[in-house]
Amino acid sequence: MVGKTFKGMSDEMLRWQSARFRDLAIDDADAWTVRVRPEQVVEIAVDGIQRSRRYPGGVALRFARVVRYREDKDATQADTIDDVRALGG
């Protein structure tokens, strides 16, 4: 985990996302957390990446916003945590 964002999402996108993630759900341990199969790729725009002790990945996305869901990519093509860390310098 490297952050949270709901910025850039229309009501239509939020409805689609809610349905999609219910389909991918493998665990809903509590009212606030739903773990999903790692199959959906999302494109996120950021203004920067900084070190963080708050998130397990060790970095945080600054001013993150959802650009789109990438139906043209599968999870094997998504950036890894090492890719994200490298962007932070």
PDB file of N, CA and C in Angstrom:
ATOM      1  N   MET A   1       0.843  -1.181   0.000  1.00  0.00           N
ATOM      2  CA  MET A   1       0.000   0.000   0.000  1.00  0.00           C
ATOM      3  C   MET A   1       0.886   1.242   0.000  1.00  0.00           C
ATOM      4  N   VAL A   2       0.546   2.182  -0.866  1.00  0.00           N
ATOM      5  CA  VAL A   2       1.317   3.415  -0.979  1.00  0.00           C
ATOM      6  C   VAL A   2       0.418   4.656  -0.917  1.00  0.00           C
ATOM      7  N   GLY A   3      -0.835   4.483  -0.559  1.00  0.00           N
ATOM      8  CA  GLY A   3      -1.730   5.619  -0.429  1.00  0.00           C
ATOM      9  C   GLY A   3      -3.161   5.265  -0.757  1.00  0.00           C
ATOM     10  N   LYS A   4      -3.995   6.274  -0.679  1.00  0.00           N
ATOM     11  CA  LYS A   4      -5.418   6.136  -0.983  1.00  0.00           C
ATOM     12  C   LYS A   4      -5.827   7.338  -1.811  1.00  0.00           C
ATOM     13  N   THR A   5      -6.769   7.133  -2.706  1.00  0.00           N
ATOM     14  CA  THR A   5      -7.307   8.262  -3.442  1.00  0.00           C
ATOM     15  C   THR A   5      -8.692   7.956  -3.986  1.00  0.00           C
ATOM     16  N   PHE A   6      -9.487   8.991  -4.039  1.00  0.00           N
ATOM     17  CA  PHE A   6     -10.776   8.927  -4.714  1.00  0.00           C
ATOM     18  C   PHE A   6     -10.878  10.085  -5.688  1.00  0.00           C
ATOM     19  N   LYS A   7      -9.819  10.877  -5.781  1.00  0.00           N
ATOM     20  CA  LYS A   7      -9.828  12.037  -6.666  1.00  0.00           C
ATOM     21  C   LYS A   7      -9.822  11.587  -8.122  1.00  0.00           C
ATOM     22  N   GLY A   8     -10.524  12.342  -8.937  1.00  0.00           N
ATOM     23  CA  GLY A   8     -10.561  12.058 -10.361  1.00  0.00           C
ATOM     24  C   GLY A   8     -11.628  11.058 -10.759  1.00  0.00           C
ATOM     25  N   MET A   9     -12.428  10.604  -9.788  1.00  0.00           N
ATOM     26  CA  MET A   9     -13.412   9.571 -10.083  1.00  0.00           C
ATOM     27  C   MET A   9     -14.816  10.168 -10.189  1.00  0.00           C
ATOM     28  N   SER A  10     -15.486   9.859 -11.270  1.00  0.00           N
ATOM     29  CA  SER A  10     -16.880  10.277 -11.445  1.00  0.00           C
ATOM     30  C   SER A  10     -17.791   9.319 -10.669  1.00  0.00           C
ATOM     31  N   ASP A  11     -19.037   9.707 -10.496  1.00  0.00           N
ATOM     32  CA  ASP A  11     -20.007   8.821  -9.848  1.00  0.00           C
ATOM     33  C   ASP A  11     -20.129   7.512 -10.614  1.00  0.00           C
ATOM     34  N   GLU A  12     -20.112   7.603 -11.944  1.00  0.00           N
ATOM     35  CA  GLU A  12     -20.203   6.396 -12.776  1.00  0.00           C
ATOM     36  C   GLU A  12     -19.006   5.472 -12.527  1.00  0.00           C
ATOM     37  N   MET A  13     -17.815   6.046 -12.449  1.00  0.00           N
ATOM     38  CA  MET A  13     -16.623   5.232 -12.195  1.00  0.00           C
ATOM     39  C   MET A  13     -16.688   4.585 -10.811  1.00  0.00           C
ATOM     40  N   LEU A  14     -17.170   5.320  -9.811  1.00  0.00           N
ATOM     41  CA  LEU A  14     -17.299   4.748  -8.466  1.00  0.00           C
ATOM     42  C   LEU A  14     -18.280   3.582  -8.442  1.00  0.00           C
ATOM     43  N   ARG A  15     -19.401   3.707  -9.171  1.00  0.00           N
ATOM     44  CA  ARG A  15     -20.355   2.590  -9.244  1.00  0.00           C
ATOM     45  C   ARG A  15     -19.717   1.377  -9.911  1.00  0.00           C
ATOM     46  N   TRP A  16     -19.029   1.604 -11.035  1.00  0.00           N
ATOM     47  CA  TRP A  16     -18.368   0.512 -11.748  1.00  0.00           C
ATOM     48  C   TRP A  16     -17.322  -0.146 -10.847  1.00  0.00           C
ATOM     49  N   GLN A  17     -16.512   0.672 -10.183  1.00  0.00           N
ATOM     50  CA  GLN A  17     -15.461   0.160  -9.313  1.00  0.00           C
ATOM     51  C   GLN A  17     -16.032  -0.681  -8.172  1.00  0.00           C
ATOM     52  N   SER A  18     -17.109  -0.208  -7.572  1.00  0.00           N
ATOM     53  CA  SER A  18     -17.723  -0.954  -6.461  1.00  0.00           C
ATOM     54  C   SER A  18     -18.180  -2.331  -6.926  1.00  0.00           C
ATOM     55  N   ALA A  19     -18.821  -2.398  -8.069  1.00  0.00           N
ATOM     56  CA  ALA A  19     -19.277  -3.683  -8.602  1.00  0.00           C
ATOM     57  C   ALA A  19     -18.091  -4.565  -8.984  1.00  0.00           C
ATOM     58  N   ARG A  20     -17.107  -3.997  -9.635  1.00  0.00           N
ATOM     59  CA  ARG A  20     -15.925  -4.762 -10.070  1.00  0.00           C
ATOM     60  C   ARG A  20     -15.188  -5.346  -8.875  1.00  0.00           C
ATOM     61  N   PHE A  21     -14.983  -4.540  -7.846  1.00  0.00           N
ATOM     62  CA  PHE A  21     -14.233  -5.024  -6.687  1.00  0.00           C
ATOM     63  C   PHE A  21     -15.031  -6.048  -5.886  1.00  0.00           C
ATOM     64  N   ARG A  22     -16.359  -5.960  -5.898  1.00  0.00           N
ATOM     65  CA  ARG A  22     -17.158  -7.025  -5.263  1.00  0.00           C
ATOM     66  C   ARG A  22     -16.922  -8.344  -5.990  1.00  0.00           C
ATOM     67  N   ASP A  23     -16.814  -8.281  -7.325  1.00  0.00           N
ATOM     68  CA  ASP A  23     -16.549  -9.490  -8.108  1.00  0.00           C
ATOM     69  C   ASP A  23     -15.174 -10.076  -7.814  1.00  0.00           C
ATOM     70  N   LEU A  24     -14.207  -9.224  -7.487  1.00  0.00           N
ATOM     71  CA  LEU A  24     -12.830  -9.669  -7.226  1.00  0.00           C
ATOM     72  C   LEU A  24     -12.563  -9.961  -5.752  1.00  0.00           C
ATOM     73  N   ALA A  25     -13.540  -9.728  -4.884  1.00  0.00           N
ATOM     74  CA  ALA A  25     -13.334  -9.848  -3.436  1.00  0.00           C
ATOM     75  C   ALA A  25     -12.969 -11.272  -3.023  1.00  0.00           C
ATOM     76  N   ILE A  26     -11.979 -11.359  -2.143  1.00  0.00           N
ATOM     77  CA  ILE A  26     -11.601 -12.645  -1.548  1.00  0.00           C
ATOM     78  C   ILE A  26     -11.750 -12.617  -0.035  1.00  0.00           C
ATOM     79  N   ASP A  27     -11.859 -11.390   0.541  1.00  0.00           N
ATOM     80  CA  ASP A  27     -11.995 -11.268   1.990  1.00  0.00           C
ATOM     81  C   ASP A  27     -12.543  -9.882   2.309  1.00  0.00           C
ATOM     82  N   ASP A  28     -13.564  -9.846   3.145  1.00  0.00           N
ATOM     83  CA  ASP A  28     -14.056  -8.558   3.633  1.00  0.00           C
ATOM     84  C   ASP A  28     -14.064  -8.613   5.152  1.00  0.00           C
ATOM     85  N   ALA A  29     -12.851  -8.531   5.703  1.00  0.00           N
ATOM     86  CA  ALA A  29     -12.611  -8.712   7.125  1.00  0.00           C
ATOM     87  C   ALA A  29     -13.388  -7.734   8.004  1.00  0.00           C
ATOM     88  N   ASP A  30     -13.585  -6.539   7.529  1.00  0.00           N
ATOM     89  CA  ASP A  30     -14.346  -5.561   8.306  1.00  0.00           C
ATOM     90  C   ASP A  30     -15.083  -4.621   7.344  1.00  0.00           C
ATOM     91  N   ALA A  31     -15.791  -3.679   7.911  1.00  0.00           N
ATOM     92  CA  ALA A  31     -16.603  -2.771   7.091  1.00  0.00           C
ATOM     93  C   ALA A  31     -15.761  -1.836   6.230  1.00  0.00           C
ATOM     94  N   TRP A  32     -14.491  -1.660   6.543  1.00  0.00           N
ATOM     95  CA  TRP A  32     -13.647  -0.690   5.850  1.00  0.00           C
ATOM     96  C   TRP A  32     -12.635  -1.308   4.900  1.00  0.00           C
ATOM     97  N   THR A  33     -12.450  -2.618   4.968  1.00  0.00           N
ATOM     98  CA  THR A  33     -11.397  -3.263   4.180  1.00  0.00           C
ATOM     99  C   THR A  33     -11.967  -4.423   3.384  1.00  0.00           C
ATOM    100  N   VAL A  34     -11.700  -4.420   2.094  1.00  0.00           N
ATOM    101  CA  VAL A  34     -12.048  -5.548   1.232  1.00  0.00           C
ATOM    102  C   VAL A  34     -10.791  -5.918   0.455  1.00  0.00           C
ATOM    103  N   ARG A  35     -10.328  -7.126   0.621  1.00  0.00           N
ATOM    104  CA  ARG A  35      -9.159  -7.591  -0.127  1.00  0.00           C
ATOM    105  C   ARG A  35      -9.658  -8.218  -1.428  1.00  0.00           C
ATOM    106  N   VAL A  36      -8.976  -7.895  -2.513  1.00  0.00           N
ATOM    107  CA  VAL A  36      -9.397  -8.369  -3.828  1.00  0.00           C
ATOM    108  C   VAL A  36      -8.268  -9.139  -4.497  1.00  0.00           C
ATOM    109  N   ARG A  37      -8.647 -10.005  -5.434  1.00  0.00           N
ATOM    110  CA  ARG A  37      -7.632 -10.673  -6.257  1.00  0.00           C
ATOM    111  C   ARG A  37      -6.888  -9.602  -7.052  1.00  0.00           C
ATOM    112  N   PRO A  38      -5.572  -9.702  -7.187  1.00  0.00           N
ATOM    113  CA  PRO A  38      -4.797  -8.665  -7.885  1.00  0.00           C
ATOM    114  C   PRO A  38      -4.890  -8.809  -9.399  1.00  0.00           C
ATOM    115  N   GLU A  39      -6.035  -8.428  -9.946  1.00  0.00           N
ATOM    116  CA  GLU A  39      -6.271  -8.590 -11.375  1.00  0.00           C
ATOM    117  C   GLU A  39      -6.542  -7.270 -12.098  1.00  0.00           C
ATOM    118  N   GLN A  40      -7.009  -6.271 -11.388  1.00  0.00           N
ATOM    119  CA  GLN A  40      -7.411  -5.014 -12.012  1.00  0.00           C
ATOM    120  C   GLN A  40      -6.256  -4.021 -11.996  1.00  0.00           C
ATOM    121  N   VAL A  41      -5.962  -3.427 -13.143  1.00  0.00           N
ATOM    122  CA  VAL A  41      -4.902  -2.420 -13.237  1.00  0.00           C
ATOM    123  C   VAL A  41      -5.555  -1.046 -13.321  1.00  0.00           C
ATOM    124  N   VAL A  42      -5.048  -0.125 -12.516  1.00  0.00           N
ATOM    125  CA  VAL A  42      -5.547   1.250 -12.519  1.00  0.00           C
ATOM    126  C   VAL A  42      -4.379   2.192 -12.784  1.00  0.00           C
ATOM    127  N   GLU A  43      -4.625   3.188 -13.601  1.00  0.00           N
ATOM    128  CA  GLU A  43      -3.605   4.199 -13.889  1.00  0.00           C
ATOM    129  C   GLU A  43      -3.808   5.370 -12.929  1.00  0.00           C
ATOM    130  N   ILE A  44      -2.753   5.702 -12.198  1.00  0.00           N
ATOM    131  CA  ILE A  44      -2.791   6.772 -11.208  1.00  0.00           C
ATOM    132  C   ILE A  44      -1.809   7.859 -11.604  1.00  0.00           C
ATOM    133  N   ALA A  45      -2.246   9.098 -11.597  1.00  0.00           N
ATOM    134  CA  ALA A  45      -1.350  10.235 -11.812  1.00  0.00           C
ATOM    135  C   ALA A  45      -0.957  10.774 -10.442  1.00  0.00           C
ATOM    136  N   VAL A  46       0.280  11.204 -10.302  1.00  0.00           N
ATOM    137  CA  VAL A  46       0.760  11.759  -9.034  1.00  0.00           C
ATOM    138  C   VAL A  46       1.590  13.010  -9.304  1.00  0.00           C
ATOM    139  N   ASP A  47       1.687  13.847  -8.286  1.00  0.00           N
ATOM    140  CA  ASP A  47       2.561  15.006  -8.378  1.00  0.00           C
ATOM    141  C   ASP A  47       3.952  14.678  -7.854  1.00  0.00           C
ATOM    142  N   GLY A  48       4.077  13.582  -7.159  1.00  0.00           N
ATOM    143  CA  GLY A  48       5.371  13.175  -6.634  1.00  0.00           C
ATOM    144  C   GLY A  48       5.245  11.953  -5.756  1.00  0.00           C
ATOM    145  N   ILE A  49       6.397  11.448  -5.364  1.00  0.00           N
ATOM    146  CA  ILE A  49       6.469  10.285  -4.479  1.00  0.00           C
ATOM    147  C   ILE A  49       7.453  10.635  -3.383  1.00  0.00           C
ATOM    148  N   GLN A  50       7.084  10.327  -2.145  1.00  0.00           N
ATOM    149  CA  GLN A  50       7.965  10.640  -1.025  1.00  0.00           C
ATOM    150  C   GLN A  50       8.096   9.436  -0.109  1.00  0.00           C
ATOM    151  N   ARG A  51       9.159   9.418   0.669  1.00  0.00           N
ATOM    152  CA  ARG A  51       9.336   8.362   1.666  1.00  0.00           C
ATOM    153  C   ARG A  51       8.231   8.482   2.707  1.00  0.00           C
ATOM    154  N   SER A  52       7.816   7.328   3.236  1.00  0.00           N
ATOM    155  CA  SER A  52       6.743   7.328   4.232  1.00  0.00           C
ATOM    156  C   SER A  52       6.911   6.174   5.201  1.00  0.00           C
ATOM    157  N   ARG A  53       6.718   6.469   6.475  1.00  0.00           N
ATOM    158  CA  ARG A  53       6.683   5.397   7.485  1.00  0.00           C
ATOM    159  C   ARG A  53       5.255   4.928   7.712  1.00  0.00           C
ATOM    160  N   ARG A  54       4.302   5.639   7.153  1.00  0.00           N
ATOM    161  CA  ARG A  54       2.889   5.313   7.339  1.00  0.00           C
ATOM    162  C   ARG A  54       2.470   4.089   6.527  1.00  0.00           C
ATOM    163  N   TYR A  55       3.001   3.962   5.305  1.00  0.00           N
ATOM    164  CA  TYR A  55       2.569   2.895   4.412  1.00  0.00           C
ATOM    165  C   TYR A  55       3.613   1.785   4.338  1.00  0.00           C
ATOM    166  N   PRO A  56       3.153   0.542   4.287  1.00  0.00           N
ATOM    167  CA  PRO A  56       4.072  -0.604   4.253  1.00  0.00           C
ATOM    168  C   PRO A  56       5.060  -0.580   3.088  1.00  0.00           C
ATOM    169  N   GLY A  57       4.718   0.064   1.979  1.00  0.00           N
ATOM    170  CA  GLY A  57       5.613   0.136   0.832  1.00  0.00           C
ATOM    171  C   GLY A  57       6.799   1.063   1.044  1.00  0.00           C
ATOM    172  N   GLY A  58       6.738   1.880   2.118  1.00  0.00           N
ATOM    173  CA  GLY A  58       7.836   2.785   2.420  1.00  0.00           C
ATOM    174  C   GLY A  58       7.812   4.095   1.644  1.00  0.00           C
ATOM    175  N   VAL A  59       6.807   4.252   0.776  1.00  0.00           N
ATOM    176  CA  VAL A  59       6.637   5.490   0.013  1.00  0.00           C
ATOM    177  C   VAL A  59       5.162   5.866   0.009  1.00  0.00           C
ATOM    178  N   ALA A  60       4.912   7.134  -0.286  1.00  0.00           N
ATOM    179  CA  ALA A  60       3.538   7.630  -0.403  1.00  0.00           C
ATOM    180  C   ALA A  60       3.404   8.413  -1.697  1.00  0.00           C
ATOM    181  N   LEU A  61       2.262   8.273  -2.340  1.00  0.00           N
ATOM    182  CA  LEU A  61       1.963   9.029  -3.552  1.00  0.00           C
ATOM    183  C   LEU A  61       1.416  10.397  -3.144  1.00  0.00           C
ATOM    184  N   ARG A  62       1.960  11.459  -3.706  1.00  0.00           N
ATOM    185  CA  ARG A  62       1.510  12.817  -3.387  1.00  0.00           C
ATOM    186  C   ARG A  62       0.473  13.276  -4.414  1.00  0.00           C
ATOM    187  N   PHE A  63      -0.661  13.715  -3.899  1.00  0.00           N
ATOM    188  CA  PHE A  63      -1.749  14.229  -4.731  1.00  0.00           C
ATOM    189  C   PHE A  63      -2.138  13.230  -5.825  1.00  0.00           C
ATOM    190  N   ALA A  64      -2.346  11.990  -5.410  1.00  0.00           N
ATOM    191  CA  ALA A  64      -2.714  10.920  -6.343  1.00  0.00           C
ATOM    192  C   ALA A  64      -4.145  11.107  -6.831  1.00  0.00           C
ATOM    193  N   ARG A  65      -4.357  10.774  -8.104  1.00  0.00           N
ATOM    194  CA  ARG A  65      -5.697  10.823  -8.669  1.00  0.00           C
ATOM    195  C   ARG A  65      -5.844   9.717  -9.715  1.00  0.00           C
ATOM    196  N   VAL A  66      -7.026   9.155  -9.757  1.00  0.00           N
ATOM    197  CA  VAL A  66      -7.321   8.072 -10.695  1.00  0.00           C
ATOM    198  C   VAL A  66      -7.470   8.665 -12.092  1.00  0.00           C
ATOM    199  N   VAL A  67      -6.748   8.087 -13.042  1.00  0.00           N
ATOM    200  CA  VAL A  67      -6.870   8.505 -14.437  1.00  0.00           C
ATOM    201  C   VAL A  67      -7.867   7.603 -15.144  1.00  0.00           C
ATOM    202  N   ARG A  68      -7.644   6.287 -15.032  1.00  0.00           N
ATOM    203  CA  ARG A  68      -8.554   5.328 -15.675  1.00  0.00           C
ATOM    204  C   ARG A  68      -8.184   3.911 -15.248  1.00  0.00           C
ATOM    205  N   TYR A  69      -9.103   3.012 -15.487  1.00  0.00           N
ATOM    206  CA  TYR A  69      -8.826   1.587 -15.323  1.00  0.00           C
ATOM    207  C   TYR A  69      -8.323   1.063 -16.647  1.00  0.00           C
ATOM    208  N   ARG A  70      -7.292   0.235 -16.600  1.00  0.00           N
ATOM    209  CA  ARG A  70      -6.618  -0.238 -17.806  1.00  0.00           C
ATOM    210  C   ARG A  70      -7.079  -1.645 -18.162  1.00  0.00           C
ATOM    211  N   GLU A  71      -8.096  -1.732 -18.985  1.00  0.00           N
ATOM    212  CA  GLU A  71      -8.583  -3.026 -19.452  1.00  0.00           C
ATOM    213  C   GLU A  71      -7.623  -3.653 -20.457  1.00  0.00           C
ATOM    214  N   ASP A  72      -6.705  -2.832 -20.997  1.00  0.00           N
ATOM    215  CA  ASP A  72      -5.741  -3.317 -21.985  1.00  0.00           C
ATOM    216  C   ASP A  72      -4.500  -3.938 -21.339  1.00  0.00           C
ATOM    217  N   LYS A  73      -4.427  -3.938 -20.013  1.00  0.00           N
ATOM    218  CA  LYS A  73      -3.271  -4.496 -19.307  1.00  0.00           C
ATOM    219  C   LYS A  73      -3.735  -5.490 -18.265  1.00  0.00           C
ATOM    220  N   ASP A  74      -2.886  -6.477 -17.992  1.00  0.00           N
ATOM    221  CA  ASP A  74      -3.178  -7.376 -16.883  1.00  0.00           C
ATOM    222  C   ASP A  74      -2.189  -7.091 -15.751  1.00  0.00           C
ATOM    223  N   ALA A  75      -2.412  -7.719 -14.622  1.00  0.00           N
ATOM    224  CA  ALA A  75      -1.636  -7.418 -13.423  1.00  0.00           C
ATOM    225  C   ALA A  75      -0.135  -7.641 -13.604  1.00  0.00           C
ATOM    226  N   THR A  76       0.257  -8.533 -14.496  1.00  0.00           N
ATOM    227  CA  THR A  76       1.691  -8.765 -14.701  1.00  0.00           C
ATOM    228  C   THR A  76       2.374  -7.567 -15.349  1.00  0.00           C
ATOM    229  N   GLN A  77       1.597  -6.648 -15.919  1.00  0.00           N
ATOM    230  CA  GLN A  77       2.150  -5.475 -16.583  1.00  0.00           C
ATOM    231  C   GLN A  77       2.129  -4.227 -15.690  1.00  0.00           C
ATOM    232  N   ALA A  78       1.610  -4.357 -14.499  1.00  0.00           N
ATOM    233  CA  ALA A  78       1.541  -3.211 -13.582  1.00  0.00           C
ATOM    234  C   ALA A  78       2.918  -2.947 -12.978  1.00  0.00           C
ATOM    235  N   ASP A  79       3.138  -1.690 -12.572  1.00  0.00           N
ATOM    236  CA  ASP A  79       4.389  -1.350 -11.899  1.00  0.00           C
ATOM    237  C   ASP A  79       4.491  -2.107 -10.579  1.00  0.00           C
ATOM    238  N   THR A  80       5.705  -2.472 -10.215  1.00  0.00           N
ATOM    239  CA  THR A  80       5.961  -3.120  -8.935  1.00  0.00           C
ATOM    240  C   THR A  80       6.275  -2.037  -7.902  1.00  0.00           C
ATOM    241  N   ILE A  81       6.321  -2.424  -6.633  1.00  0.00           N
ATOM    242  CA  ILE A  81       6.682  -1.482  -5.591  1.00  0.00           C
ATOM    243  C   ILE A  81       8.094  -0.946  -5.828  1.00  0.00           C
ATOM    244  N   ASP A  82       8.985  -1.762  -6.379  1.00  0.00           N
ATOM    245  CA  ASP A  82      10.333  -1.288  -6.676  1.00  0.00           C
ATOM    246  C   ASP A  82      10.308  -0.214  -7.772  1.00  0.00           C
ATOM    247  N   ASP A  83       9.422  -0.380  -8.778  1.00  0.00           N
ATOM    248  CA  ASP A  83       9.268   0.643  -9.815  1.00  0.00           C
ATOM    249  C   ASP A  83       8.810   1.974  -9.187  1.00  0.00           C
ATOM    250  N   VAL A  84       7.846   1.901  -8.284  1.00  0.00           N
ATOM    251  CA  VAL A  84       7.315   3.101  -7.645  1.00  0.00           C
ATOM    252  C   VAL A  84       8.395   3.754  -6.790  1.00  0.00           C
ATOM    253  N   ARG A  85       9.106   2.952  -6.019  1.00  0.00           N
ATOM    254  CA  ARG A  85      10.187   3.512  -5.189  1.00  0.00           C
ATOM    255  C   ARG A  85      11.233   4.212  -6.055  1.00  0.00           C
ATOM    256  N   ALA A  86      11.553   3.654  -7.203  1.00  0.00           N
ATOM    257  CA  ALA A  86      12.564   4.240  -8.093  1.00  0.00           C
ATOM    258  C   ALA A  86      12.101   5.613  -8.609  1.00  0.00           C
ATOM    259  N   LEU A  87      10.806   5.805  -8.776  1.00  0.00           N
ATOM    260  CA  LEU A  87      10.288   7.104  -9.216  1.00  0.00           C
ATOM    261  C   LEU A  87      10.499   8.190  -8.165  1.00  0.00           C
ATOM    262  N   GLY A  88      10.577   7.753  -6.910  1.00  0.00           N
ATOM    263  CA  GLY A  88      10.739   8.703  -5.799  1.00  0.00           C
ATOM    264  C   GLY A  88      12.152   9.209  -5.641  1.00  0.00           C
ATOM    265  N   GLY A  89      13.070   8.609  -6.338  1.00  0.00           N
ATOM    266  CA  GLY A  89      14.443   9.095  -6.298  1.00  0.00           C
ATOM    267  C   GLY A  89      15.275   8.629  -5.163  1.00  0.00           C
TER     268      GLY A  89
END
